[in-house]
N, C-alpha and C. Protein backbone atom coordinates (compact mmCIF):
# COMPACT_ATOMS: atom_id res chain seq x y z
N UNK A 1 -15.49 43.29 13.83
CA UNK A 1 -13.78 43.16 13.62
C UNK A 1 -13.75 43.01 12.23
N UNK A 2 -14.83 42.78 11.09
CA UNK A 2 -14.65 43.14 10.18
C UNK A 2 -14.26 44.08 9.94
N UNK A 3 -15.44 45.38 9.74
CA UNK A 3 -14.84 46.60 9.16
C UNK A 3 -13.89 47.07 9.70
N UNK A 4 -13.19 46.63 10.77
CA UNK A 4 -11.91 47.43 10.88
C UNK A 4 -11.13 46.25 10.14
N UNK A 5 -10.97 45.26 9.85
CA UNK A 5 -10.09 44.42 8.53
C UNK A 5 -10.20 44.92 7.35
N UNK A 6 -11.50 45.21 7.05
CA UNK A 6 -11.61 45.51 6.41
C UNK A 6 -11.33 47.50 5.64
N UNK A 7 -10.92 48.02 6.43
CA UNK A 7 -10.91 48.77 6.73
C UNK A 7 -9.07 49.14 6.48
N UNK A 8 -8.58 48.10 7.14
CA UNK A 8 -6.92 48.12 6.87
C UNK A 8 -6.27 47.79 5.46
N UNK A 9 -7.58 46.47 5.14
CA UNK A 9 -7.27 46.07 3.89
C UNK A 9 -7.11 47.58 2.64
N UNK A 10 -8.50 48.07 2.87
CA UNK A 10 -8.55 49.24 2.01
C UNK A 10 -7.52 50.29 2.04
N UNK A 11 -6.82 50.21 3.07
CA UNK A 11 -5.55 51.16 3.58
C UNK A 11 -4.43 50.42 2.61
N UNK A 12 -4.22 49.89 3.07
CA UNK A 12 -3.11 48.94 2.31
C UNK A 12 -3.22 48.87 0.96
N UNK A 13 -4.43 48.90 0.62
CA UNK A 13 -4.42 48.77 -0.97
C UNK A 13 -4.72 49.91 -1.93
N UNK A 14 -4.34 50.59 -1.60
CA UNK A 14 -4.14 52.02 -2.53
C UNK A 14 -4.76 53.11 -1.53
N UNK A 15 -5.85 53.45 -0.90
CA UNK A 15 -6.49 54.44 -0.40
C UNK A 15 -6.07 55.50 -0.33
N UNK A 16 -5.12 55.54 0.19
CA UNK A 16 -4.70 56.78 0.44
C UNK A 16 -3.83 57.16 -0.40
N UNK A 17 -3.29 56.33 -1.28
CA UNK A 17 -2.58 56.87 -2.97
C UNK A 17 -3.72 57.26 -3.90
N UNK A 18 -5.24 56.71 -3.76
CA UNK A 18 -6.43 57.14 -4.43
C UNK A 18 -6.56 58.47 -4.61
N UNK A 19 -6.48 59.15 -3.02
CA UNK A 19 -7.02 60.31 -2.25
C UNK A 19 -5.83 61.61 -2.77
N UNK A 20 -4.78 60.83 -2.15
CA UNK A 20 -3.94 61.63 -2.72
C UNK A 20 -3.68 62.17 -4.54
N UNK A 21 -3.87 61.54 -5.01
CA UNK A 21 -4.07 61.50 -6.66
C UNK A 21 -5.49 62.36 -7.27
N UNK A 22 -6.19 62.13 -6.61
CA UNK A 22 -7.49 62.97 -6.75
C UNK A 22 -7.17 64.56 -6.19
N UNK A 23 -6.38 64.89 -4.86
CA UNK A 23 -6.06 65.48 -4.60
C UNK A 23 -5.53 66.53 -5.70
N UNK A 24 -4.43 65.61 -5.78
CA UNK A 24 -3.39 66.24 -7.52
C UNK A 24 -4.20 66.18 -8.75
N UNK A 25 -5.28 65.90 -8.73
CA UNK A 25 -6.05 65.81 -10.27
C UNK A 25 -6.75 67.38 -10.22
N UNK A 26 -6.44 68.07 -8.96
CA UNK A 26 -7.28 69.47 -9.01
C UNK A 26 -8.32 69.69 -7.86
N UNK A 27 -8.86 68.47 -7.25
CA UNK A 27 -10.17 67.94 -6.39
C UNK A 27 -9.76 68.92 -5.10
N UNK A 28 -10.69 69.85 -4.55
CA UNK A 28 -10.03 70.39 -3.07
C UNK A 28 -10.70 69.75 -2.04
N UNK A 29 -9.49 69.75 -0.71
CA UNK A 29 -9.93 68.75 0.52
C UNK A 29 -11.57 68.34 0.65
N UNK A 30 -11.98 69.96 0.29
CA UNK A 30 -13.70 70.16 0.93
C UNK A 30 -14.58 69.16 0.15
N UNK A 31 -14.18 69.45 -1.27
CA UNK A 31 -14.98 68.06 -2.24
C UNK A 31 -15.11 66.79 -1.74
N UNK A 32 -14.00 66.37 -1.59
CA UNK A 32 -13.37 64.88 -1.15
C UNK A 32 -14.12 64.85 0.25
N UNK A 33 -14.28 65.43 1.02
CA UNK A 33 -15.47 65.20 2.48
C UNK A 33 -16.62 64.57 1.62
N UNK A 34 -16.77 65.33 0.85
CA UNK A 34 -18.72 64.59 0.57
C UNK A 34 -18.83 63.20 -0.09
N UNK A 35 -17.58 62.78 -0.52
CA UNK A 35 -17.57 61.66 -0.82
C UNK A 35 -17.66 60.00 -0.25
N UNK A 36 -17.53 60.51 1.47
CA UNK A 36 -17.63 59.38 2.45
C UNK A 36 -16.82 59.39 3.65
N UNK A 37 -16.70 58.93 4.34
CA UNK A 37 -15.79 59.10 5.75
C UNK A 37 -14.37 58.69 5.09
N UNK A 38 -14.40 57.81 4.75
CA UNK A 38 -13.11 57.74 4.15
C UNK A 38 -11.74 58.72 3.93
N UNK A 39 -12.56 59.50 3.09
CA UNK A 39 -11.96 60.34 1.68
C UNK A 39 -11.64 62.06 2.83
N UNK A 40 -12.49 61.59 3.76
CA UNK A 40 -12.25 62.82 4.73
C UNK A 40 -11.34 63.06 6.01
N UNK A 41 -11.27 61.73 6.36
CA UNK A 41 -10.04 61.28 7.66
C UNK A 41 -9.11 61.50 6.72
N UNK A 42 -8.62 60.83 5.29
CA UNK A 42 -7.56 60.47 4.68
C UNK A 42 -7.21 61.53 4.48
N UNK A 43 -8.11 62.38 3.91
CA UNK A 43 -7.21 64.07 3.34
C UNK A 43 -6.85 64.79 4.16
N UNK A 44 -7.82 64.61 5.89
CA UNK A 44 -6.82 65.15 6.76
C UNK A 44 -5.43 64.96 7.20
N UNK A 45 -5.69 63.35 7.13
CA UNK A 45 -4.26 63.13 7.30
C UNK A 45 -3.00 63.37 6.32
N UNK A 46 -3.27 63.67 4.89
CA UNK A 46 -2.58 64.12 3.91
C UNK A 46 -2.19 65.45 4.09
N UNK A 47 -3.52 65.70 4.27
CA UNK A 47 -2.83 67.31 4.63
C UNK A 47 -2.02 67.88 6.12
N UNK A 48 -1.79 66.63 6.96
CA UNK A 48 -0.54 66.54 8.02
C UNK A 48 -1.44 67.16 8.96
N UNK A 49 -2.50 66.75 9.07
CA UNK A 49 -3.29 67.18 10.77
C UNK A 49 -3.94 66.07 11.25
N UNK A 50 -3.25 64.83 11.13
CA UNK A 50 -3.40 63.56 11.60
C UNK A 50 -2.10 62.62 11.30
N UNK A 51 -1.62 62.27 12.50
CA UNK A 51 -0.55 61.08 12.19
C UNK A 51 -1.73 60.13 11.31
N UNK A 52 -0.84 59.58 11.02
CA UNK A 52 -1.62 57.82 10.28
C UNK A 52 -2.35 56.93 11.38
N UNK A 53 -1.91 56.19 12.64
CA UNK A 53 -2.60 56.13 13.46
C UNK A 53 -3.73 56.96 14.24
N UNK A 54 -3.66 58.00 14.12
CA UNK A 54 -4.81 58.71 14.59
C UNK A 54 -5.49 58.72 13.30
N UNK A 55 -5.56 59.07 12.73
CA UNK A 55 -6.42 59.15 11.47
C UNK A 55 -6.81 57.61 11.22
N UNK A 56 -5.91 56.08 11.41
CA UNK A 56 -6.85 55.19 11.53
C UNK A 56 -8.12 54.96 12.39
N UNK A 57 -7.60 55.24 13.89
CA UNK A 57 -8.08 55.28 14.92
C UNK A 57 -9.74 56.06 14.39
N UNK A 58 -9.57 57.23 14.44
CA UNK A 58 -10.73 57.86 14.57
C UNK A 58 -11.42 57.54 13.32
N UNK A 59 -10.66 56.68 12.15
CA UNK A 59 -12.02 56.66 10.89
C UNK A 59 -12.36 55.00 11.06
N UNK A 60 -11.81 54.78 11.71
CA UNK A 60 -12.47 53.37 12.36
C UNK A 60 -13.66 53.11 13.14
N UNK A 61 -13.65 54.55 14.47
CA UNK A 61 -14.75 54.56 15.53
C UNK A 61 -15.58 55.00 14.49
N UNK A 62 -15.64 55.91 13.76
CA UNK A 62 -16.25 56.54 12.76
C UNK A 62 -17.45 56.16 11.61
N UNK A 63 -16.37 54.78 10.94
CA UNK A 63 -17.16 53.89 10.59
C UNK A 63 -18.35 52.44 11.59
N UNK A 64 -17.26 52.75 12.42
CA UNK A 64 -18.23 51.53 13.40
C UNK A 64 -19.59 52.38 13.95
N UNK A 65 -19.65 53.48 14.16
CA UNK A 65 -20.91 54.30 14.76
C UNK A 65 -21.33 54.26 13.27
N UNK A 66 -20.97 54.54 12.38
CA UNK A 66 -21.89 54.82 11.10
C UNK A 66 -22.90 53.51 10.89
N UNK A 67 -21.77 52.56 11.32
CA UNK A 67 -22.87 50.88 11.08
C UNK A 67 -23.72 50.77 12.24
N UNK A 68 -23.24 51.22 13.67
CA UNK A 68 -24.28 50.78 14.17
C UNK A 68 -25.81 51.67 14.01
N UNK A 69 -25.59 52.81 13.24
CA UNK A 69 -26.79 53.63 13.03
C UNK A 69 -27.11 52.35 11.43
N UNK A 70 -26.20 52.27 11.02
CA UNK A 70 -27.73 51.70 10.07
C UNK A 70 -28.12 50.65 10.10
N UNK A 71 -27.76 49.76 11.27
CA UNK A 71 -28.35 48.51 11.75
C UNK A 71 -29.51 48.81 12.68
N UNK A 72 -29.10 50.34 13.19
CA UNK A 72 -30.77 50.44 13.98
C UNK A 72 -31.76 50.67 12.85
N UNK A 73 -30.98 51.99 11.50
CA UNK A 73 -32.42 51.85 10.45
C UNK A 73 -32.82 50.52 10.43
N UNK A 74 -32.08 49.41 10.06
CA UNK A 74 -32.64 48.24 9.38
C UNK A 74 -33.73 47.67 10.50
N UNK A 75 -33.35 47.75 11.91
CA UNK A 75 -34.12 47.13 12.88
C UNK A 75 -35.48 47.77 12.93
N UNK A 76 -35.31 48.98 12.47
CA UNK A 76 -36.64 49.90 12.79
C UNK A 76 -37.74 49.62 11.70
N UNK A 77 -37.12 49.23 10.49
CA UNK A 77 -37.70 48.68 9.34
C UNK A 77 -38.50 47.69 9.57
N UNK A 78 -37.65 46.93 10.41
CA UNK A 78 -38.49 45.17 10.19
C UNK A 78 -39.43 45.45 11.53
N UNK A 79 -38.99 45.79 12.24
CA UNK A 79 -40.14 46.41 13.42
C UNK A 79 -41.90 46.89 12.51
N UNK A 80 -41.37 47.76 11.59
CA UNK A 80 -42.46 48.58 11.06
C UNK A 80 -42.88 47.16 10.43
N UNK A 81 -42.77 45.94 10.00
CA UNK A 81 -43.05 45.30 8.85
C UNK A 81 -42.39 44.73 7.87
N UNK A 82 -41.23 45.50 7.41
CA UNK A 82 -39.87 45.39 6.32
C UNK A 82 -39.75 43.81 6.26
N UNK A 83 -39.66 43.04 5.50
CA UNK A 83 -38.77 42.20 5.58
C UNK A 83 -37.41 42.13 4.57
N UNK A 84 -36.67 42.22 5.50
CA UNK A 84 -34.82 42.23 5.29
C UNK A 84 -34.75 40.69 5.37
N UNK A 85 -34.12 40.33 4.27
CA UNK A 85 -33.24 39.19 4.29
C UNK A 85 -31.74 39.49 4.42
N UNK A 86 -31.45 38.49 5.06
CA UNK A 86 -30.12 39.08 5.48
C UNK A 86 -29.16 37.83 5.27
N UNK A 87 -27.41 38.50 4.76
CA UNK A 87 -26.88 37.70 4.10
C UNK A 87 -25.65 37.10 5.07
N UNK A 88 -25.52 36.15 5.26
CA UNK A 88 -24.01 36.15 6.35
C UNK A 88 -22.85 36.84 5.73
N UNK A 89 -21.98 37.84 6.47
CA UNK A 89 -21.32 38.16 6.23
C UNK A 89 -19.81 37.03 5.43
N UNK A 90 -19.94 36.20 6.24
CA UNK A 90 -18.77 35.23 6.08
C UNK A 90 -18.86 34.15 5.34
N UNK A 91 -19.82 34.66 4.36
CA UNK A 91 -19.61 33.29 2.98
C UNK A 91 -18.78 33.61 2.20
N UNK A 92 -18.95 32.84 1.56
CA UNK A 92 -17.89 33.55 0.35
C UNK A 92 -18.50 34.82 -0.84
N UNK A 93 -17.76 35.27 -1.97
CA UNK A 93 -18.63 35.69 -2.48
C UNK A 93 -19.43 34.94 -3.58
N UNK A 94 -19.24 33.68 -3.93
CA UNK A 94 -19.77 32.90 -4.54
C UNK A 94 -21.17 32.68 -3.83
N UNK A 95 -21.03 31.95 -2.56
CA UNK A 95 -21.90 31.34 -1.77
C UNK A 95 -22.81 32.03 -1.23
N UNK A 96 -22.44 33.89 -1.42
CA UNK A 96 -23.17 34.96 -1.26
C UNK A 96 -24.38 35.18 -2.63
N UNK A 97 -23.80 35.37 -3.47
CA UNK A 97 -24.98 34.92 -5.18
C UNK A 97 -25.42 34.40 -5.27
N UNK A 98 -25.10 32.96 -4.71
CA UNK A 98 -26.28 31.68 -4.88
C UNK A 98 -27.24 31.86 -3.76
N UNK A 99 -27.05 32.59 -2.99
CA UNK A 99 -28.06 33.07 -1.74
C UNK A 99 -29.15 33.87 -2.38
N UNK A 100 -28.38 34.73 -2.93
CA UNK A 100 -29.37 36.03 -3.69
C UNK A 100 -29.54 35.15 -4.90
N UNK A 101 -29.79 34.85 -5.37
CA UNK A 101 -30.42 34.10 -6.62
C UNK A 101 -31.07 33.03 -6.24
N UNK A 102 -31.15 32.44 -5.35
CA UNK A 102 -31.64 31.33 -4.42
C UNK A 102 -32.64 32.13 -4.11
N UNK A 103 -32.86 33.28 -3.18
CA UNK A 103 -33.77 33.51 -2.78
C UNK A 103 -34.54 35.05 -3.31
N UNK A 104 -34.35 35.07 -4.41
CA UNK A 104 -34.66 36.46 -5.79
C UNK A 104 -36.28 35.90 -5.95
N UNK A 105 -37.08 36.61 -5.77
CA UNK A 105 -38.94 36.34 -5.74
C UNK A 105 -39.00 35.93 -7.33
N UNK A 106 -40.15 34.87 -7.31
CA UNK A 106 -39.70 34.29 -8.75
C UNK A 106 -40.99 35.51 -9.40
């Protein structure tokens, strides 16, 4: 659910306006689509090919799928012997930083 919450927050905090500004500054929609999933789907929305709710649904699905592929990749790396130190995403930013600093190799 954190993925969906972050997407909702990102869109509410100005993602659509950011993409509109980039398009207004002269970037072509094809260029923006290389900058990430959000830019592709928001560009489609701004072009009028997707209503907001449909854009949100499709983008949310795409991000979840990408996240699943990332986790598969990391799990495979662990099986191959790479040590990965996982950080609890529910920690506060200060606690995350403290954890990182505490666990840095000396």
